[in-house]
Amino acid sequence: MTLIPSFSIPTVKAECVMDRTTETITYSPPEEVDVIDSRTRQTVWTCHVPIRENWKLIGYILLPKQYREAWLELSYYIVMYTNVWRLWVVEEENVRRKLQKEKAAILHQNTSTHVVQHMHSRLLTVLELVSWSHDTTISGTEHVQTLNKWKVQLACNWFSLTYEELSTVDAKFLHQTPGAQCIEGKGLLLPDSIRQQGKATGMMA
């Protein structure tokens, strides 16, 4: 288990703008598949993610099976924040009072930043996965570094901080590989402040 040396996912302060004239690329939930190595004829169980353009299947991305849950969680956050963002856009358009409109605008901007953050994380994950040679001899032990970093930043609430700003944080929080820990049945280490916050809201045992 190696230390995360940097955050390839940058801190995002941009606002999301959806252009309805652009083609839509969507990712379906990961599917479990058997892959046969053309050299060794060995069968390997893994996952792939179907990709669609304007709802038409155009290909697949191979995804290590231990990262299936992390990918689904990332997709969930994209869908959730996109829907919340759209609700606040409508609310901002419909309210008449100036104070309410200003509050709706702030929430609209905040949620759109979350949309950009998570969509950018998924794009970086896709770019990492398509760059792999996919060696079947190490199937089940691969590390998707972008998803590792996304999961750690999400769990520790670090998306608003740069890697340099975390230089004084105990390094144990950066010694984590969520995909492998999921297979081993281990949870992520979290800073005490985040863990206490989870207990207070009833979201953590």
N, C-alpha and C. Protein backbone atom coordinates (compact mmCIF):
# COMPACT_ATOMS: atom_id res chain seq x y z
N MET A 1 0.85 -1.17 0.00
CA MET A 1 0.00 0.00 0.00
C MET A 1 0.90 1.23 0.00
N THR A 2 0.76 2.08 -1.03
CA THR A 2 1.64 3.24 -1.18
C THR A 2 0.90 4.53 -0.85
N LEU A 3 1.68 5.51 -0.46
CA LEU A 3 1.14 6.82 -0.12
C LEU A 3 0.65 7.51 -1.39
N ILE A 4 -0.55 8.14 -1.32
CA ILE A 4 -1.02 8.97 -2.42
C ILE A 4 -0.12 10.20 -2.48
N PRO A 5 0.68 10.36 -3.56
CA PRO A 5 1.68 11.44 -3.60
C PRO A 5 1.12 12.79 -4.02
N SER A 6 -0.10 12.80 -4.54
CA SER A 6 -0.68 14.05 -5.02
C SER A 6 -2.17 13.82 -5.28
N PHE A 7 -2.88 14.91 -5.56
CA PHE A 7 -4.27 14.80 -5.98
C PHE A 7 -4.35 15.16 -7.46
N SER A 8 -4.60 14.15 -8.30
CA SER A 8 -4.75 14.44 -9.72
C SER A 8 -6.10 15.09 -10.01
N ILE A 9 -7.03 14.98 -9.05
CA ILE A 9 -8.33 15.63 -9.19
C ILE A 9 -8.20 17.04 -8.63
N PRO A 10 -8.24 18.06 -9.47
CA PRO A 10 -8.04 19.42 -8.98
C PRO A 10 -9.24 19.95 -8.20
N THR A 11 -9.00 20.97 -7.39
CA THR A 11 -10.08 21.66 -6.70
C THR A 11 -10.85 22.46 -7.74
N VAL A 12 -12.15 22.23 -7.81
CA VAL A 12 -12.98 22.87 -8.84
C VAL A 12 -13.76 24.04 -8.26
N LYS A 13 -13.71 25.16 -8.95
CA LYS A 13 -14.49 26.34 -8.56
C LYS A 13 -15.33 26.84 -9.73
N ALA A 14 -15.52 25.95 -10.71
CA ALA A 14 -16.29 26.31 -11.91
C ALA A 14 -17.76 26.00 -11.72
N GLU A 15 -18.58 26.59 -12.58
CA GLU A 15 -20.02 26.32 -12.54
C GLU A 15 -20.39 25.45 -13.73
N CYS A 16 -21.32 24.54 -13.51
CA CYS A 16 -21.76 23.62 -14.56
C CYS A 16 -22.75 24.32 -15.50
N VAL A 17 -22.51 24.19 -16.81
CA VAL A 17 -23.43 24.71 -17.82
C VAL A 17 -23.70 23.58 -18.81
N MET A 18 -24.96 23.15 -18.88
CA MET A 18 -25.33 22.07 -19.79
C MET A 18 -25.74 22.64 -21.14
N ASP A 19 -25.08 22.17 -22.19
CA ASP A 19 -25.42 22.60 -23.55
C ASP A 19 -26.23 21.49 -24.20
N ARG A 20 -27.49 21.75 -24.44
CA ARG A 20 -28.38 20.72 -24.98
C ARG A 20 -28.08 20.38 -26.44
N THR A 21 -27.23 21.18 -27.11
CA THR A 21 -26.91 20.90 -28.51
C THR A 21 -25.79 19.89 -28.65
N THR A 22 -25.09 19.59 -27.57
CA THR A 22 -23.97 18.66 -27.65
C THR A 22 -24.46 17.23 -27.56
N GLU A 23 -23.66 16.30 -28.09
CA GLU A 23 -24.01 14.90 -28.03
C GLU A 23 -23.84 14.40 -26.59
N THR A 24 -24.70 13.48 -26.19
CA THR A 24 -24.72 12.99 -24.83
C THR A 24 -24.00 11.66 -24.72
N ILE A 25 -22.96 11.62 -23.86
CA ILE A 25 -22.25 10.38 -23.56
C ILE A 25 -22.71 9.90 -22.19
N THR A 26 -23.17 8.67 -22.11
CA THR A 26 -23.62 8.12 -20.84
C THR A 26 -22.90 6.80 -20.55
N TYR A 27 -22.81 6.48 -19.26
CA TYR A 27 -22.16 5.25 -18.82
C TYR A 27 -23.18 4.40 -18.07
N SER A 28 -23.39 3.17 -18.53
CA SER A 28 -24.32 2.27 -17.86
C SER A 28 -23.64 1.63 -16.66
N PRO A 29 -24.40 1.02 -15.75
CA PRO A 29 -23.79 0.35 -14.59
C PRO A 29 -22.82 -0.74 -15.03
N PRO A 30 -21.74 -0.96 -14.27
CA PRO A 30 -20.76 -2.00 -14.62
C PRO A 30 -21.42 -3.38 -14.70
N GLU A 31 -20.99 -4.15 -15.67
CA GLU A 31 -21.49 -5.51 -15.85
C GLU A 31 -20.35 -6.50 -15.61
N GLU A 32 -20.65 -7.61 -14.94
CA GLU A 32 -19.64 -8.64 -14.71
C GLU A 32 -19.46 -9.47 -15.98
N VAL A 33 -18.20 -9.68 -16.37
CA VAL A 33 -17.91 -10.41 -17.60
C VAL A 33 -16.71 -11.34 -17.39
N ASP A 34 -16.64 -12.36 -18.21
CA ASP A 34 -15.46 -13.23 -18.27
C ASP A 34 -14.63 -12.81 -19.47
N VAL A 35 -13.36 -12.49 -19.23
CA VAL A 35 -12.45 -12.07 -20.28
C VAL A 35 -11.42 -13.17 -20.51
N ILE A 36 -11.19 -13.54 -21.76
CA ILE A 36 -10.23 -14.59 -22.09
C ILE A 36 -8.95 -13.95 -22.62
N ASP A 37 -7.83 -14.23 -21.98
CA ASP A 37 -6.53 -13.73 -22.42
C ASP A 37 -6.16 -14.45 -23.71
N SER A 38 -5.92 -13.68 -24.78
CA SER A 38 -5.64 -14.28 -26.08
C SER A 38 -4.31 -15.04 -26.11
N ARG A 39 -3.41 -14.73 -25.18
CA ARG A 39 -2.10 -15.40 -25.16
C ARG A 39 -2.15 -16.67 -24.33
N THR A 40 -2.69 -16.55 -23.12
CA THR A 40 -2.67 -17.70 -22.20
C THR A 40 -3.95 -18.52 -22.23
N ARG A 41 -5.00 -17.97 -22.88
CA ARG A 41 -6.33 -18.60 -22.91
C ARG A 41 -6.94 -18.70 -21.51
N GLN A 42 -6.38 -17.97 -20.57
CA GLN A 42 -6.91 -17.97 -19.21
C GLN A 42 -8.15 -17.09 -19.13
N THR A 43 -9.16 -17.57 -18.41
CA THR A 43 -10.39 -16.80 -18.23
C THR A 43 -10.31 -15.99 -16.94
N VAL A 44 -10.59 -14.70 -17.05
CA VAL A 44 -10.51 -13.79 -15.91
C VAL A 44 -11.87 -13.13 -15.72
N TRP A 45 -12.34 -13.12 -14.48
CA TRP A 45 -13.61 -12.48 -14.16
C TRP A 45 -13.35 -11.02 -13.81
N THR A 46 -14.02 -10.12 -14.51
CA THR A 46 -13.84 -8.69 -14.26
C THR A 46 -15.14 -7.96 -14.57
N CYS A 47 -15.08 -6.66 -14.74
CA CYS A 47 -16.26 -5.87 -15.09
C CYS A 47 -15.96 -5.00 -16.30
N HIS A 48 -17.00 -4.62 -17.00
CA HIS A 48 -16.85 -3.57 -18.00
C HIS A 48 -18.04 -2.62 -17.91
N VAL A 49 -17.79 -1.38 -18.34
CA VAL A 49 -18.80 -0.34 -18.28
C VAL A 49 -19.26 -0.01 -19.70
N PRO A 50 -20.52 -0.26 -20.04
CA PRO A 50 -21.02 0.09 -21.37
C PRO A 50 -21.07 1.61 -21.56
N ILE A 51 -20.65 2.07 -22.73
CA ILE A 51 -20.66 3.50 -23.06
C ILE A 51 -21.65 3.73 -24.19
N ARG A 52 -22.49 4.73 -24.02
CA ARG A 52 -23.49 5.05 -25.05
C ARG A 52 -23.39 6.51 -25.47
N GLU A 53 -23.57 6.73 -26.75
CA GLU A 53 -23.62 8.08 -27.29
C GLU A 53 -25.00 8.30 -27.86
N ASN A 54 -25.72 9.28 -27.28
CA ASN A 54 -27.13 9.48 -27.64
C ASN A 54 -27.90 8.17 -27.55
N TRP A 55 -27.61 7.41 -26.47
CA TRP A 55 -28.28 6.16 -26.11
C TRP A 55 -27.91 4.98 -27.00
N LYS A 56 -26.99 5.17 -27.94
CA LYS A 56 -26.54 4.07 -28.80
C LYS A 56 -25.22 3.52 -28.26
N LEU A 57 -25.15 2.19 -28.06
CA LEU A 57 -23.93 1.58 -27.53
C LEU A 57 -22.77 1.76 -28.50
N ILE A 58 -21.65 2.32 -27.97
CA ILE A 58 -20.49 2.55 -28.83
C ILE A 58 -19.24 1.82 -28.33
N GLY A 59 -19.31 1.22 -27.14
CA GLY A 59 -18.13 0.50 -26.65
C GLY A 59 -18.19 0.22 -25.17
N TYR A 60 -17.06 -0.27 -24.65
CA TYR A 60 -16.96 -0.63 -23.23
C TYR A 60 -15.62 -0.16 -22.67
N ILE A 61 -15.60 0.07 -21.36
CA ILE A 61 -14.36 0.33 -20.62
C ILE A 61 -14.20 -0.78 -19.60
N LEU A 62 -13.05 -1.44 -19.60
CA LEU A 62 -12.81 -2.46 -18.59
C LEU A 62 -12.57 -1.80 -17.23
N LEU A 63 -13.17 -2.37 -16.20
CA LEU A 63 -13.07 -1.83 -14.85
C LEU A 63 -12.76 -2.97 -13.89
N PRO A 64 -11.67 -2.89 -13.11
CA PRO A 64 -11.39 -3.95 -12.13
C PRO A 64 -12.59 -4.17 -11.21
N LYS A 65 -12.91 -5.43 -10.97
CA LYS A 65 -14.14 -5.75 -10.23
C LYS A 65 -14.15 -5.15 -8.83
N GLN A 66 -12.97 -4.95 -8.22
CA GLN A 66 -12.94 -4.41 -6.86
C GLN A 66 -13.31 -2.93 -6.82
N TYR A 67 -13.40 -2.29 -8.00
CA TYR A 67 -13.77 -0.87 -8.05
C TYR A 67 -15.20 -0.66 -8.52
N ARG A 68 -15.95 -1.73 -8.61
CA ARG A 68 -17.34 -1.63 -9.07
C ARG A 68 -18.15 -0.71 -8.16
N GLU A 69 -18.04 -0.91 -6.84
CA GLU A 69 -18.82 -0.10 -5.90
C GLU A 69 -18.40 1.36 -5.92
N ALA A 70 -17.09 1.61 -6.05
CA ALA A 70 -16.61 2.99 -6.09
C ALA A 70 -17.12 3.70 -7.34
N TRP A 71 -17.13 2.99 -8.47
CA TRP A 71 -17.64 3.58 -9.73
C TRP A 71 -19.12 3.90 -9.59
N LEU A 72 -19.89 2.97 -9.01
CA LEU A 72 -21.33 3.19 -8.82
C LEU A 72 -21.58 4.38 -7.89
N GLU A 73 -20.76 4.48 -6.84
CA GLU A 73 -20.91 5.59 -5.91
C GLU A 73 -20.62 6.93 -6.59
N LEU A 74 -19.57 6.97 -7.41
CA LEU A 74 -19.25 8.18 -8.15
C LEU A 74 -20.40 8.54 -9.10
N SER A 75 -20.95 7.55 -9.78
CA SER A 75 -22.08 7.79 -10.69
C SER A 75 -23.28 8.31 -9.92
N TYR A 76 -23.51 7.76 -8.72
CA TYR A 76 -24.63 8.21 -7.89
C TYR A 76 -24.48 9.69 -7.55
N TYR A 77 -23.28 10.12 -7.17
CA TYR A 77 -23.07 11.52 -6.81
C TYR A 77 -23.29 12.44 -8.01
N ILE A 78 -22.90 11.99 -9.19
CA ILE A 78 -23.12 12.79 -10.40
C ILE A 78 -24.61 12.96 -10.65
N VAL A 79 -25.36 11.86 -10.59
CA VAL A 79 -26.81 11.92 -10.82
C VAL A 79 -27.50 12.76 -9.74
N MET A 80 -27.13 12.54 -8.48
CA MET A 80 -27.76 13.25 -7.38
C MET A 80 -27.56 14.76 -7.50
N TYR A 81 -26.28 15.18 -7.66
CA TYR A 81 -26.01 16.62 -7.71
C TYR A 81 -26.56 17.26 -8.98
N THR A 82 -26.61 16.51 -10.08
CA THR A 82 -27.19 17.05 -11.31
C THR A 82 -28.68 17.33 -11.12
N ASN A 83 -29.38 16.41 -10.49
CA ASN A 83 -30.82 16.60 -10.25
C ASN A 83 -31.07 17.75 -9.28
N VAL A 84 -30.26 17.83 -8.21
CA VAL A 84 -30.42 18.94 -7.26
C VAL A 84 -30.11 20.27 -7.94
N TRP A 85 -29.06 20.28 -8.75
CA TRP A 85 -28.70 21.50 -9.49
C TRP A 85 -29.85 21.96 -10.38
N ARG A 86 -30.49 21.03 -11.09
CA ARG A 86 -31.62 21.39 -11.96
C ARG A 86 -32.80 21.93 -11.15
N LEU A 87 -33.03 21.36 -9.98
CA LEU A 87 -34.12 21.84 -9.13
C LEU A 87 -33.88 23.29 -8.70
N TRP A 88 -32.61 23.60 -8.34
CA TRP A 88 -32.32 24.97 -7.91
C TRP A 88 -32.34 25.95 -9.08
N VAL A 89 -32.05 25.48 -10.29
CA VAL A 89 -32.17 26.35 -11.47
C VAL A 89 -33.63 26.76 -11.65
N VAL A 90 -34.53 25.77 -11.55
CA VAL A 90 -35.96 26.05 -11.68
C VAL A 90 -36.44 26.96 -10.55
N GLU A 91 -35.96 26.68 -9.32
CA GLU A 91 -36.36 27.49 -8.17
C GLU A 91 -35.90 28.94 -8.35
N GLU A 92 -34.70 29.12 -8.83
CA GLU A 92 -34.18 30.48 -9.04
C GLU A 92 -35.02 31.23 -10.06
N GLU A 93 -35.49 30.52 -11.09
CA GLU A 93 -36.30 31.16 -12.13
C GLU A 93 -37.70 31.50 -11.63
N ASN A 94 -38.23 30.71 -10.69
CA ASN A 94 -39.63 30.85 -10.29
C ASN A 94 -39.86 31.81 -9.12
N VAL A 95 -38.89 31.92 -8.20
CA VAL A 95 -39.12 32.77 -7.03
C VAL A 95 -39.11 34.24 -7.43
N ARG A 96 -39.87 35.04 -6.70
CA ARG A 96 -40.01 36.46 -7.03
C ARG A 96 -39.26 37.37 -6.06
N ARG A 97 -39.22 37.00 -4.79
CA ARG A 97 -38.55 37.84 -3.82
C ARG A 97 -37.05 37.85 -4.04
N LYS A 98 -36.44 39.03 -3.90
CA LYS A 98 -35.02 39.19 -4.18
C LYS A 98 -34.15 38.30 -3.29
N LEU A 99 -34.45 38.27 -1.98
CA LEU A 99 -33.64 37.48 -1.05
C LEU A 99 -33.72 35.99 -1.38
N GLN A 100 -34.93 35.51 -1.67
CA GLN A 100 -35.09 34.10 -2.03
C GLN A 100 -34.37 33.77 -3.32
N LYS A 101 -34.42 34.69 -4.29
CA LYS A 101 -33.74 34.47 -5.57
C LYS A 101 -32.23 34.41 -5.37
N GLU A 102 -31.72 35.28 -4.49
CA GLU A 102 -30.27 35.28 -4.22
C GLU A 102 -29.85 33.99 -3.54
N LYS A 103 -30.65 33.50 -2.58
CA LYS A 103 -30.33 32.23 -1.91
C LYS A 103 -30.37 31.07 -2.89
N ALA A 104 -31.38 31.06 -3.76
CA ALA A 104 -31.50 30.00 -4.76
C ALA A 104 -30.31 30.03 -5.73
N ALA A 105 -29.85 31.24 -6.06
CA ALA A 105 -28.71 31.38 -6.97
C ALA A 105 -27.43 30.80 -6.36
N ILE A 106 -27.24 31.07 -5.05
CA ILE A 106 -26.06 30.55 -4.36
C ILE A 106 -26.09 29.03 -4.32
N LEU A 107 -27.25 28.46 -3.97
CA LEU A 107 -27.37 27.00 -3.91
C LEU A 107 -27.25 26.38 -5.30
N HIS A 108 -27.76 27.07 -6.30
CA HIS A 108 -27.61 26.62 -7.69
C HIS A 108 -26.14 26.56 -8.07
N GLN A 109 -25.38 27.60 -7.73
CA GLN A 109 -23.95 27.64 -8.06
C GLN A 109 -23.16 26.60 -7.27
N ASN A 110 -23.49 26.45 -5.98
CA ASN A 110 -22.78 25.47 -5.15
C ASN A 110 -22.96 24.04 -5.66
N THR A 111 -24.21 23.68 -5.97
CA THR A 111 -24.46 22.32 -6.45
C THR A 111 -23.87 22.09 -7.83
N SER A 112 -23.84 23.13 -8.67
CA SER A 112 -23.26 22.95 -9.99
C SER A 112 -21.75 22.72 -9.90
N THR A 113 -21.11 23.31 -8.88
CA THR A 113 -19.68 23.06 -8.67
C THR A 113 -19.45 21.59 -8.30
N HIS A 114 -20.35 21.03 -7.48
CA HIS A 114 -20.25 19.61 -7.15
C HIS A 114 -20.41 18.74 -8.40
N VAL A 115 -21.33 19.12 -9.29
CA VAL A 115 -21.52 18.37 -10.54
C VAL A 115 -20.21 18.35 -11.33
N VAL A 116 -19.60 19.53 -11.48
CA VAL A 116 -18.34 19.62 -12.23
C VAL A 116 -17.25 18.78 -11.57
N GLN A 117 -17.16 18.86 -10.24
CA GLN A 117 -16.12 18.13 -9.51
C GLN A 117 -16.21 16.62 -9.77
N HIS A 118 -17.40 16.07 -9.65
CA HIS A 118 -17.56 14.62 -9.79
C HIS A 118 -17.50 14.17 -11.25
N MET A 119 -18.02 14.98 -12.17
CA MET A 119 -17.93 14.63 -13.59
C MET A 119 -16.47 14.67 -14.06
N HIS A 120 -15.72 15.65 -13.54
CA HIS A 120 -14.29 15.73 -13.88
C HIS A 120 -13.55 14.51 -13.33
N SER A 121 -13.92 14.09 -12.13
CA SER A 121 -13.31 12.90 -11.53
C SER A 121 -13.58 11.67 -12.38
N ARG A 122 -14.81 11.54 -12.88
CA ARG A 122 -15.13 10.39 -13.73
C ARG A 122 -14.36 10.44 -15.05
N LEU A 123 -14.24 11.62 -15.63
CA LEU A 123 -13.48 11.75 -16.88
C LEU A 123 -12.03 11.33 -16.67
N LEU A 124 -11.42 11.78 -15.57
CA LEU A 124 -10.03 11.40 -15.28
C LEU A 124 -9.91 9.89 -15.05
N THR A 125 -10.93 9.29 -14.43
CA THR A 125 -10.94 7.84 -14.22
C THR A 125 -10.99 7.11 -15.55
N VAL A 126 -11.85 7.57 -16.46
CA VAL A 126 -11.97 6.95 -17.78
C VAL A 126 -10.64 7.06 -18.54
N LEU A 127 -10.02 8.22 -18.49
CA LEU A 127 -8.74 8.41 -19.18
C LEU A 127 -7.67 7.48 -18.62
N GLU A 128 -7.70 7.26 -17.31
CA GLU A 128 -6.74 6.34 -16.69
C GLU A 128 -7.00 4.91 -17.14
N LEU A 129 -8.26 4.50 -17.14
CA LEU A 129 -8.60 3.12 -17.48
C LEU A 129 -8.28 2.79 -18.94
N VAL A 130 -8.54 3.72 -19.86
CA VAL A 130 -8.28 3.43 -21.28
C VAL A 130 -6.79 3.46 -21.61
N SER A 131 -5.98 3.98 -20.68
CA SER A 131 -4.53 4.00 -20.91
C SER A 131 -3.85 2.70 -20.49
N TRP A 132 -4.59 1.83 -19.80
CA TRP A 132 -4.02 0.59 -19.30
C TRP A 132 -3.82 -0.44 -20.40
N SER A 133 -2.88 -1.35 -20.15
CA SER A 133 -2.67 -2.50 -21.04
C SER A 133 -3.50 -3.70 -20.60
N HIS A 134 -4.06 -3.63 -19.36
CA HIS A 134 -4.92 -4.67 -18.80
C HIS A 134 -4.25 -6.04 -18.81
N ASP A 135 -3.27 -6.18 -17.95
CA ASP A 135 -2.54 -7.44 -17.77
C ASP A 135 -3.42 -8.40 -16.95
N THR A 136 -3.84 -9.49 -17.57
CA THR A 136 -4.75 -10.43 -16.88
C THR A 136 -4.06 -11.18 -15.75
N THR A 137 -2.74 -11.17 -15.71
CA THR A 137 -2.03 -11.89 -14.64
C THR A 137 -2.15 -11.18 -13.30
N ILE A 138 -2.54 -9.91 -13.32
CA ILE A 138 -2.68 -9.17 -12.06
C ILE A 138 -4.14 -8.80 -11.81
N SER A 139 -5.06 -9.45 -12.51
CA SER A 139 -6.47 -9.14 -12.35
C SER A 139 -6.92 -9.29 -10.89
N GLY A 140 -7.61 -8.29 -10.39
CA GLY A 140 -8.07 -8.30 -9.01
C GLY A 140 -7.15 -7.59 -8.06
N THR A 141 -5.97 -7.20 -8.53
CA THR A 141 -5.01 -6.50 -7.67
C THR A 141 -4.67 -5.11 -8.21
N GLU A 142 -5.33 -4.70 -9.28
CA GLU A 142 -5.02 -3.40 -9.87
C GLU A 142 -5.47 -2.26 -8.97
N HIS A 143 -4.85 -1.09 -9.16
CA HIS A 143 -5.24 0.10 -8.41
C HIS A 143 -5.61 1.20 -9.40
N VAL A 144 -6.85 1.64 -9.33
CA VAL A 144 -7.29 2.79 -10.13
C VAL A 144 -7.03 4.03 -9.28
N GLN A 145 -5.91 4.68 -9.54
CA GLN A 145 -5.45 5.75 -8.66
C GLN A 145 -6.46 6.90 -8.56
N THR A 146 -7.10 7.25 -9.68
CA THR A 146 -8.05 8.36 -9.64
C THR A 146 -9.23 8.03 -8.73
N LEU A 147 -9.74 6.80 -8.81
CA LEU A 147 -10.84 6.41 -7.93
C LEU A 147 -10.40 6.32 -6.48
N ASN A 148 -9.16 5.88 -6.25
CA ASN A 148 -8.63 5.88 -4.88
C ASN A 148 -8.67 7.29 -4.30
N LYS A 149 -8.15 8.24 -5.08
CA LYS A 149 -8.07 9.61 -4.61
C LYS A 149 -9.46 10.22 -4.45
N TRP A 150 -10.35 9.93 -5.40
CA TRP A 150 -11.72 10.46 -5.31
C TRP A 150 -12.40 9.96 -4.04
N LYS A 151 -12.27 8.66 -3.77
CA LYS A 151 -12.93 8.08 -2.60
C LYS A 151 -12.38 8.66 -1.30
N VAL A 152 -11.06 8.82 -1.22
CA VAL A 152 -10.45 9.38 -0.01
C VAL A 152 -10.86 10.84 0.16
N GLN A 153 -10.81 11.62 -0.94
CA GLN A 153 -11.21 13.02 -0.85
C GLN A 153 -12.68 13.16 -0.47
N LEU A 154 -13.52 12.28 -1.01
CA LEU A 154 -14.95 12.32 -0.68
C LEU A 154 -15.17 11.98 0.79
N ALA A 155 -14.59 10.88 1.24
CA ALA A 155 -14.81 10.41 2.61
C ALA A 155 -14.29 11.41 3.64
N CYS A 156 -13.20 12.07 3.31
CA CYS A 156 -12.58 13.01 4.26
C CYS A 156 -13.03 14.46 4.04
N ASN A 157 -13.91 14.65 3.05
CA ASN A 157 -14.43 16.00 2.76
C ASN A 157 -13.29 16.96 2.39
N TRP A 158 -12.45 16.52 1.47
CA TRP A 158 -11.26 17.29 1.09
C TRP A 158 -11.34 17.93 -0.29
N PHE A 159 -12.49 17.93 -0.94
CA PHE A 159 -12.55 18.47 -2.29
C PHE A 159 -12.28 19.97 -2.36
N SER A 160 -12.45 20.66 -1.26
CA SER A 160 -12.20 22.10 -1.24
C SER A 160 -10.75 22.43 -0.89
N LEU A 161 -9.94 21.39 -0.65
CA LEU A 161 -8.55 21.60 -0.26
C LEU A 161 -7.59 21.05 -1.30
N THR A 162 -6.43 21.68 -1.43
CA THR A 162 -5.39 21.15 -2.30
C THR A 162 -4.53 20.16 -1.53
N TYR A 163 -3.74 19.40 -2.25
CA TYR A 163 -2.85 18.43 -1.60
C TYR A 163 -1.87 19.13 -0.68
N GLU A 164 -1.37 20.30 -1.11
CA GLU A 164 -0.41 21.04 -0.30
C GLU A 164 -1.02 21.50 1.02
N GLU A 165 -2.29 21.81 1.02
CA GLU A 165 -2.95 22.27 2.25
C GLU A 165 -3.13 21.13 3.25
N LEU A 166 -2.95 19.88 2.78
CA LEU A 166 -3.11 18.73 3.66
C LEU A 166 -1.77 18.18 4.14
N SER A 167 -0.71 18.93 3.93
CA SER A 167 0.63 18.44 4.25
C SER A 167 0.82 18.16 5.74
N THR A 168 0.01 18.79 6.57
CA THR A 168 0.15 18.58 8.02
C THR A 168 -0.76 17.46 8.53
N VAL A 169 -1.59 16.90 7.66
CA VAL A 169 -2.49 15.82 8.06
C VAL A 169 -1.74 14.52 8.17
N ASP A 170 -2.10 13.70 9.15
CA ASP A 170 -1.47 12.39 9.33
C ASP A 170 -1.51 11.61 8.02
N ALA A 171 -0.37 11.10 7.59
CA ALA A 171 -0.26 10.42 6.30
C ALA A 171 -1.08 9.15 6.22
N LYS A 172 -1.54 8.63 7.35
CA LYS A 172 -2.29 7.37 7.31
C LYS A 172 -3.57 7.49 6.48
N PHE A 173 -4.11 8.72 6.38
CA PHE A 173 -5.33 8.90 5.60
C PHE A 173 -5.05 8.83 4.10
N LEU A 174 -3.77 8.97 3.72
CA LEU A 174 -3.40 8.89 2.31
C LEU A 174 -2.82 7.52 1.95
N HIS A 175 -2.71 6.62 2.92
CA HIS A 175 -2.23 5.26 2.70
C HIS A 175 -3.42 4.33 2.48
N GLN A 176 -4.32 4.70 1.57
CA GLN A 176 -5.54 3.90 1.42
C GLN A 176 -5.82 3.58 -0.04
N THR A 177 -6.26 2.37 -0.28
CA THR A 177 -6.66 1.92 -1.60
C THR A 177 -8.07 1.34 -1.47
N PRO A 178 -9.10 2.16 -1.65
CA PRO A 178 -10.48 1.75 -1.39
C PRO A 178 -10.90 0.48 -2.10
N GLY A 179 -10.44 0.27 -3.34
CA GLY A 179 -10.82 -0.94 -4.06
C GLY A 179 -10.35 -2.19 -3.35
N ALA A 180 -9.08 -2.21 -2.96
CA ALA A 180 -8.51 -3.37 -2.27
C ALA A 180 -9.14 -3.54 -0.89
N GLN A 181 -9.37 -2.43 -0.20
CA GLN A 181 -9.95 -2.49 1.14
C GLN A 181 -11.39 -3.00 1.11
N CYS A 182 -12.09 -2.73 0.02
CA CYS A 182 -13.45 -3.24 -0.14
C CYS A 182 -13.43 -4.75 -0.25
N ILE A 183 -12.48 -5.31 -1.02
CA ILE A 183 -12.35 -6.75 -1.17
C ILE A 183 -11.99 -7.39 0.16
N GLU A 184 -11.15 -6.71 0.94
CA GLU A 184 -10.68 -7.24 2.22
C GLU A 184 -11.69 -6.99 3.35
N GLY A 185 -12.79 -6.30 3.05
CA GLY A 185 -13.80 -6.02 4.07
C GLY A 185 -13.39 -4.95 5.05
N LYS A 186 -12.44 -4.11 4.66
CA LYS A 186 -11.96 -3.05 5.55
C LYS A 186 -12.58 -1.71 5.14
N GLY A 187 -12.90 -0.89 6.13
CA GLY A 187 -13.43 0.44 5.85
C GLY A 187 -12.29 1.45 5.73
N LEU A 188 -12.64 2.64 5.25
CA LEU A 188 -11.64 3.69 5.13
C LEU A 188 -11.35 4.32 6.49
N LEU A 189 -10.09 4.72 6.67
CA LEU A 189 -9.72 5.52 7.83
C LEU A 189 -10.22 6.94 7.60
N LEU A 190 -10.82 7.54 8.62
CA LEU A 190 -11.33 8.89 8.48
C LEU A 190 -10.80 9.78 9.60
N PRO A 191 -10.57 11.06 9.31
CA PRO A 191 -10.18 11.99 10.38
C PRO A 191 -11.25 12.01 11.47
N ASP A 192 -10.86 12.25 12.71
CA ASP A 192 -11.80 12.24 13.82
C ASP A 192 -12.95 13.22 13.62
N SER A 193 -12.65 14.39 13.03
CA SER A 193 -13.70 15.40 12.83
C SER A 193 -14.79 14.88 11.91
N ILE A 194 -14.39 14.15 10.86
CA ILE A 194 -15.37 13.61 9.91
C ILE A 194 -16.14 12.46 10.56
N ARG A 195 -15.42 11.62 11.31
CA ARG A 195 -16.08 10.47 11.96
C ARG A 195 -17.09 10.96 13.01
N GLN A 196 -16.72 11.99 13.77
CA GLN A 196 -17.64 12.52 14.78
C GLN A 196 -18.86 13.16 14.12
N GLN A 197 -18.64 13.80 12.99
CA GLN A 197 -19.74 14.41 12.26
C GLN A 197 -20.71 13.34 11.76
N GLY A 198 -20.15 12.20 11.30
CA GLY A 198 -20.98 11.10 10.83
C GLY A 198 -21.81 10.51 11.95
N LYS A 199 -21.20 10.37 13.14
CA LYS A 199 -21.93 9.83 14.28
C LYS A 199 -23.07 10.77 14.70
N ALA A 200 -22.78 12.06 14.64
CA ALA A 200 -23.78 13.02 15.07
C ALA A 200 -25.01 13.02 14.16
N THR A 201 -24.79 12.72 12.86
CA THR A 201 -25.91 12.70 11.92
C THR A 201 -26.51 11.31 11.77
N GLY A 202 -25.96 10.32 12.50
CA GLY A 202 -26.49 8.97 12.43
C GLY A 202 -26.09 8.22 11.19
N MET A 203 -25.07 8.72 10.46
CA MET A 203 -24.66 8.10 9.21
C MET A 203 -23.50 7.14 9.40
N MET A 204 -22.99 7.03 10.61
CA MET A 204 -21.83 6.20 10.84
C MET A 204 -21.96 5.50 12.19
N ALA A 205 -21.64 4.22 12.22
CA ALA A 205 -21.75 3.46 13.47
C ALA A 205 -20.63 3.84 14.42
